[in-house]
Amino acid sequence: MGKVLRYLLVGIGALVMLFPFGWAVITSITPSDAVLSVPPDFTPEGASLDAYGRLLETLPFWRIVLNSAWIGAASTTLQLVTSAMAAYAFARLPFPGRGALFAVYLATLMMPLPVLVVPLFIEMRAFNLVDTYFALLAPTIASAFGVFLLRQAVNQVPREFDEAAVLDGAGHFRIFLYVVLPLIRPALATFAIFGFMASWNSYLWPLIIIKSPEFMTLPLGLATLHGQFTTQWDVVMAGSVVSVVPILILYVFAQKHVIASVAQSGLK
């Protein structure tokens, strides 16, 4: 009976979580004149994909998707490299002030982005980088959360492996590359998903730093679909559905590593 109740609760929770996405899909195929009907119709008559066609006509949509995709991929790759190296240093290299410096890293997690956008913008303007791809990418090269997450993963790797590698003549670089990295792949995959999602969904910083349409990312593109007086909600929902699909695909391919990371986090 308890097992059935657990499955029932999990099923209800899954339905609650999936409902917004399902409703977005339904709205995107609902005719424009029926989108705001009361009560809402979960089986709309005359369902079609016209909203997706109008989405492609309204925006240079594939250029926008490509911008978000390569910025997300580059940002995630750079964060993985910098965070993994810093995590190894904090976990394995004894140096003066290591604990205090790591505490400073953690303290930066409590600073919200709106507090940082003004000094970041001033810095980008000083280097004449406003309205460039590099301006979108620069603030995401390093991640304090990534350092924290990967440091915990490195601490789970037994130090006996390091000692065995040292006996074979390996230095820190080879230990990091051939011993530690393969053993923390689940944590790397988990952080890659978080990093890509953060970049893919980023809105505030691109809104401030980007002026030209050719540099526009997906959240900015979807925001332009909202008119001053009217909004075509079926087109907005079509764009939202398309924006969610890459994240779902990424998670499907990386879910086993995410589950492994969660399982390993409880090991002593």
Protein backbone atom coordinates (compact mmCIF):
# COMPACT_ATOMS: atom_id res chain seq x y z
CA MET A 1 0.00 0.00 0.00
CA GLY A 2 2.84 2.36 0.86
CA LYS A 3 4.54 1.67 -2.48
CA VAL A 4 1.32 2.42 -4.37
CA LEU A 5 0.90 5.68 -2.44
CA ARG A 6 4.46 6.73 -3.27
CA TYR A 7 3.94 6.06 -6.96
CA LEU A 8 0.66 7.97 -6.83
CA LEU A 9 2.31 10.99 -5.22
CA VAL A 10 5.19 10.90 -7.70
CA GLY A 11 2.71 10.67 -10.60
CA ILE A 12 0.71 13.63 -9.31
CA GLY A 13 3.90 15.64 -8.86
CA ALA A 14 5.01 14.77 -12.40
CA LEU A 15 1.67 15.92 -13.83
CA VAL A 16 1.88 19.21 -11.92
CA MET A 17 5.41 19.81 -13.21
CA LEU A 18 4.56 18.91 -16.82
CA PHE A 19 1.29 20.86 -16.98
CA PRO A 20 2.83 24.26 -17.90
CA PHE A 21 4.78 22.71 -20.78
CA GLY A 22 1.72 20.77 -21.95
CA TRP A 23 -0.40 23.91 -21.80
CA ALA A 24 2.22 25.80 -23.85
CA VAL A 25 2.09 23.08 -26.53
CA ILE A 26 -1.73 23.19 -26.61
CA THR A 27 -1.77 26.99 -26.83
CA SER A 28 0.79 26.97 -29.65
CA ILE A 29 -1.48 24.84 -31.86
CA THR A 30 -4.72 26.62 -30.91
CA PRO A 31 -6.18 29.06 -33.47
CA SER A 32 -5.52 32.71 -32.55
CA ASP A 33 -9.17 33.59 -32.03
CA ALA A 34 -9.63 30.73 -29.53
CA VAL A 35 -6.49 31.16 -27.42
CA LEU A 36 -8.17 33.31 -24.76
CA SER A 37 -11.46 31.42 -24.71
CA VAL A 38 -13.12 30.89 -21.33
CA PRO A 39 -13.12 28.20 -20.08
CA PRO A 40 -9.85 27.05 -21.68
CA ASP A 41 -10.15 24.28 -24.26
CA PHE A 42 -7.73 21.40 -23.80
CA THR A 43 -8.77 19.86 -27.13
CA PRO A 44 -8.94 22.87 -29.48
CA GLU A 45 -10.80 22.56 -32.75
CA GLY A 46 -8.91 23.45 -35.90
CA ALA A 47 -5.52 22.84 -34.28
CA SER A 48 -2.64 23.66 -36.60
CA LEU A 49 1.04 24.60 -36.72
CA ASP A 50 0.36 28.06 -38.17
CA ALA A 51 1.86 29.75 -35.10
CA TYR A 52 5.22 28.10 -35.78
CA GLY A 53 5.17 29.40 -39.36
CA ARG A 54 4.35 32.93 -38.18
CA LEU A 55 7.14 32.65 -35.61
CA LEU A 56 9.67 32.04 -38.39
CA GLU A 57 8.25 34.95 -40.40
CA THR A 58 8.26 37.38 -37.46
CA LEU A 59 11.83 36.80 -36.28
CA PRO A 60 15.15 35.66 -37.77
CA PHE A 61 14.47 32.72 -35.52
CA TRP A 62 17.19 30.30 -36.58
CA ARG A 63 19.86 33.02 -36.29
CA ILE A 64 18.63 33.74 -32.78
CA VAL A 65 18.64 30.04 -31.85
CA LEU A 66 22.16 29.67 -33.26
CA ASN A 67 23.34 32.65 -31.19
CA SER A 68 21.94 31.14 -28.01
CA ALA A 69 23.28 27.67 -28.85
CA TRP A 70 26.88 28.65 -29.48
CA ILE A 71 26.99 31.14 -26.62
CA GLY A 72 25.57 28.44 -24.32
CA ALA A 73 28.04 25.82 -25.57
CA ALA A 74 31.05 28.16 -25.30
CA SER A 75 30.00 29.41 -21.87
CA THR A 76 29.47 25.88 -20.56
CA THR A 77 32.80 24.65 -21.93
CA LEU A 78 34.73 27.55 -20.41
CA GLN A 79 32.99 27.15 -17.07
CA LEU A 80 33.78 23.43 -17.02
CA VAL A 81 37.46 24.09 -17.69
CA THR A 82 37.91 26.92 -15.19
CA SER A 83 35.72 25.37 -12.49
CA ALA A 84 37.34 21.93 -12.74
CA MET A 85 40.86 23.36 -12.46
CA ALA A 86 39.92 25.61 -9.54
CA ALA A 87 38.10 22.73 -7.83
CA TYR A 88 41.18 20.53 -8.09
CA ALA A 89 43.35 23.31 -6.67
CA PHE A 90 41.02 23.86 -3.70
CA ALA A 91 40.67 20.13 -3.02
CA ARG A 92 44.21 18.89 -3.59
CA LEU A 93 46.74 21.72 -3.44
CA PRO A 94 47.61 23.04 0.04
CA PHE A 95 48.40 26.76 -0.10
CA PRO A 96 48.13 29.62 2.41
CA GLY A 97 44.66 31.14 2.65
CA ARG A 98 42.95 28.33 0.79
CA GLY A 99 40.00 28.18 3.17
CA ALA A 100 39.54 31.97 3.24
CA LEU A 101 39.71 32.23 -0.54
CA PHE A 102 37.17 29.45 -0.95
CA ALA A 103 34.87 31.24 1.51
CA VAL A 104 35.13 34.37 -0.67
CA TYR A 105 34.13 32.26 -3.67
CA LEU A 106 31.08 30.99 -1.80
CA ALA A 107 30.19 34.50 -0.66
CA THR A 108 29.86 35.61 -4.29
CA LEU A 109 26.96 33.16 -4.67
CA MET A 110 24.90 35.44 -2.43
CA MET A 111 25.29 38.41 -4.79
CA PRO A 112 22.33 38.61 -7.22
CA LEU A 113 22.95 39.51 -10.85
CA PRO A 114 21.10 42.87 -10.70
CA VAL A 115 23.75 44.06 -8.23
CA LEU A 116 26.53 43.21 -10.70
CA VAL A 117 25.12 44.42 -14.00
CA VAL A 118 26.11 48.08 -13.55
CA PRO A 119 29.82 47.46 -12.80
CA LEU A 120 29.89 44.77 -15.49
CA PHE A 121 28.42 47.16 -18.05
CA ILE A 122 30.90 49.89 -17.08
CA GLU A 123 33.73 47.39 -17.49
CA MET A 124 32.49 46.21 -20.90
CA ARG A 125 32.09 49.83 -22.05
CA ALA A 126 35.61 50.69 -20.88
CA PHE A 127 36.99 47.91 -23.09
CA ASN A 128 34.68 48.89 -25.98
CA LEU A 129 32.95 45.50 -25.88
CA VAL A 130 29.31 46.62 -25.65
CA ASP A 131 27.11 44.94 -28.26
CA THR A 132 29.52 42.10 -29.03
CA TYR A 133 29.48 38.34 -28.64
CA PHE A 134 32.38 38.53 -26.20
CA ALA A 135 30.34 40.81 -23.91
CA LEU A 136 27.67 38.10 -23.73
CA LEU A 137 30.27 35.46 -22.94
CA ALA A 138 32.75 37.21 -20.64
CA PRO A 139 30.74 37.28 -17.36
CA THR A 140 30.10 33.51 -17.60
CA ILE A 141 33.66 32.30 -18.09
CA ALA A 142 33.98 31.37 -14.41
CA SER A 143 31.38 30.08 -11.97
CA ALA A 144 31.58 30.04 -8.18
CA PHE A 145 28.79 27.46 -8.06
CA GLY A 146 30.76 25.25 -10.45
CA VAL A 147 33.87 25.48 -8.27
CA PHE A 148 31.84 24.51 -5.20
CA LEU A 149 30.06 21.60 -6.91
CA LEU A 150 33.17 20.15 -8.54
CA ARG A 151 35.30 20.62 -5.41
CA GLN A 152 32.85 18.43 -3.53
CA ALA A 153 33.13 15.84 -6.30
CA VAL A 154 36.94 15.93 -6.25
CA ASN A 155 36.89 15.44 -2.47
CA GLN A 156 34.97 12.19 -3.06
CA VAL A 157 37.88 10.79 -5.10
CA PRO A 158 40.14 8.73 -2.77
CA ARG A 159 43.58 10.27 -2.32
CA GLU A 160 45.09 6.80 -2.68
CA PHE A 161 44.55 7.17 -6.43
CA ASP A 162 46.66 10.33 -6.41
CA GLU A 163 49.40 8.59 -4.43
CA ALA A 164 49.46 5.66 -6.84
CA ALA A 165 49.76 8.06 -9.77
CA VAL A 166 52.63 9.89 -8.03
CA LEU A 167 54.48 6.59 -7.65
CA ASP A 168 54.16 6.17 -11.42
CA GLY A 169 55.79 9.56 -11.92
CA ALA A 170 52.65 11.65 -12.56
CA GLY A 171 52.46 15.31 -11.63
CA HIS A 172 49.44 17.36 -10.72
CA PHE A 173 48.49 17.99 -14.34
CA ARG A 174 48.43 14.29 -15.26
CA ILE A 175 46.63 13.40 -12.02
CA PHE A 176 44.01 16.03 -12.76
CA LEU A 177 43.61 15.01 -16.40
CA TYR A 178 43.80 11.21 -16.22
CA VAL A 179 42.75 10.35 -12.66
CA VAL A 180 40.39 12.99 -11.29
CA LEU A 181 38.46 14.12 -14.37
CA PRO A 182 37.31 10.63 -15.45
CA LEU A 183 36.07 9.93 -11.91
CA ILE A 184 34.01 13.12 -11.62
CA ARG A 185 32.25 12.84 -14.99
CA PRO A 186 28.77 12.66 -13.36
CA ALA A 187 29.40 15.96 -11.56
CA LEU A 188 30.78 17.50 -14.75
CA ALA A 189 27.68 16.44 -16.69
CA THR A 190 25.39 17.79 -13.97
CA PHE A 191 27.16 21.15 -13.93
CA ALA A 192 27.15 21.24 -17.74
CA ILE A 193 23.35 21.03 -17.71
CA PHE A 194 23.07 23.79 -15.08
CA GLY A 195 25.55 26.00 -16.94
CA PHE A 196 23.91 25.54 -20.33
CA MET A 197 20.46 26.18 -18.90
CA ALA A 198 21.63 29.37 -17.19
CA SER A 199 23.14 30.69 -20.42
CA TRP A 200 20.23 29.54 -22.60
CA ASN A 201 17.67 31.25 -20.33
CA SER A 202 19.70 34.38 -19.56
CA TYR A 203 17.67 37.53 -20.17
CA LEU A 204 18.78 40.46 -18.00
CA TRP A 205 22.44 40.65 -19.04
CA PRO A 206 21.80 40.27 -22.82
CA LEU A 207 19.03 42.86 -22.53
CA ILE A 208 21.51 45.38 -21.09
CA ILE A 209 24.59 44.65 -23.19
CA ILE A 210 23.08 43.88 -26.64
CA LYS A 211 21.60 46.48 -29.01
CA SER A 212 21.91 44.93 -32.47
CA PRO A 213 19.35 42.34 -33.66
CA GLU A 214 22.10 40.10 -35.12
CA PHE A 215 23.46 39.46 -31.60
CA MET A 216 20.04 38.78 -30.09
CA THR A 217 19.60 35.62 -28.00
CA LEU A 218 16.48 33.52 -27.64
CA PRO A 219 15.01 35.11 -24.47
CA LEU A 220 15.37 38.56 -26.06
CA GLY A 221 13.78 37.32 -29.26
CA LEU A 222 10.80 35.88 -27.39
CA ALA A 223 10.40 39.14 -25.47
CA THR A 224 9.99 41.04 -28.75
CA LEU A 225 6.91 38.94 -29.52
CA HIS A 226 5.00 40.81 -26.80
CA GLY A 227 3.34 43.85 -28.38
CA GLN A 228 2.57 47.11 -26.62
CA PHE A 229 -1.18 46.69 -26.98
CA THR A 230 -1.75 43.12 -28.21
CA THR A 231 0.17 39.88 -28.01
CA GLN A 232 -0.16 36.83 -30.24
CA TRP A 233 -0.04 34.24 -27.49
CA ASP A 234 -0.03 31.27 -29.81
CA VAL A 235 3.18 32.58 -31.44
CA VAL A 236 4.73 33.32 -28.03
CA MET A 237 3.95 29.80 -26.86
CA ALA A 238 5.33 28.33 -30.08
CA GLY A 239 8.61 30.12 -29.40
CA SER A 240 8.56 28.93 -25.79
CA VAL A 241 8.05 25.32 -26.87
CA VAL A 242 10.95 25.50 -29.31
CA SER A 243 13.16 27.05 -26.62
CA VAL A 244 12.47 24.19 -24.20
CA VAL A 245 13.23 21.36 -26.66
CA PRO A 246 17.09 21.70 -26.63
CA ILE A 247 17.13 21.59 -22.82
CA LEU A 248 15.00 18.44 -22.83
CA ILE A 249 17.29 16.79 -25.37
CA LEU A 250 20.36 17.73 -23.33
CA TYR A 251 18.86 16.28 -20.17
CA VAL A 252 17.81 13.04 -21.89
CA PHE A 253 21.39 12.41 -22.99
CA ALA A 254 22.90 13.40 -19.63
CA GLN A 255 20.31 12.05 -17.18
CA LYS A 256 22.29 8.94 -16.25
CA HIS A 257 25.24 11.12 -15.24
CA VAL A 258 22.95 13.41 -13.23
CA ILE A 259 21.50 10.43 -11.36
CA ALA A 260 25.00 9.05 -10.76
CA SER A 261 26.11 12.43 -9.41
CA VAL A 262 23.18 12.57 -6.98
CA ALA A 263 23.89 9.01 -5.85
CA GLN A 264 27.61 9.65 -5.33
CA SER A 265 26.96 12.82 -3.35
CA GLY A 266 25.66 10.67 -0.51
CA LEU A 267 28.71 8.42 -0.36
CA LYS A 268 31.22 8.80 2.44
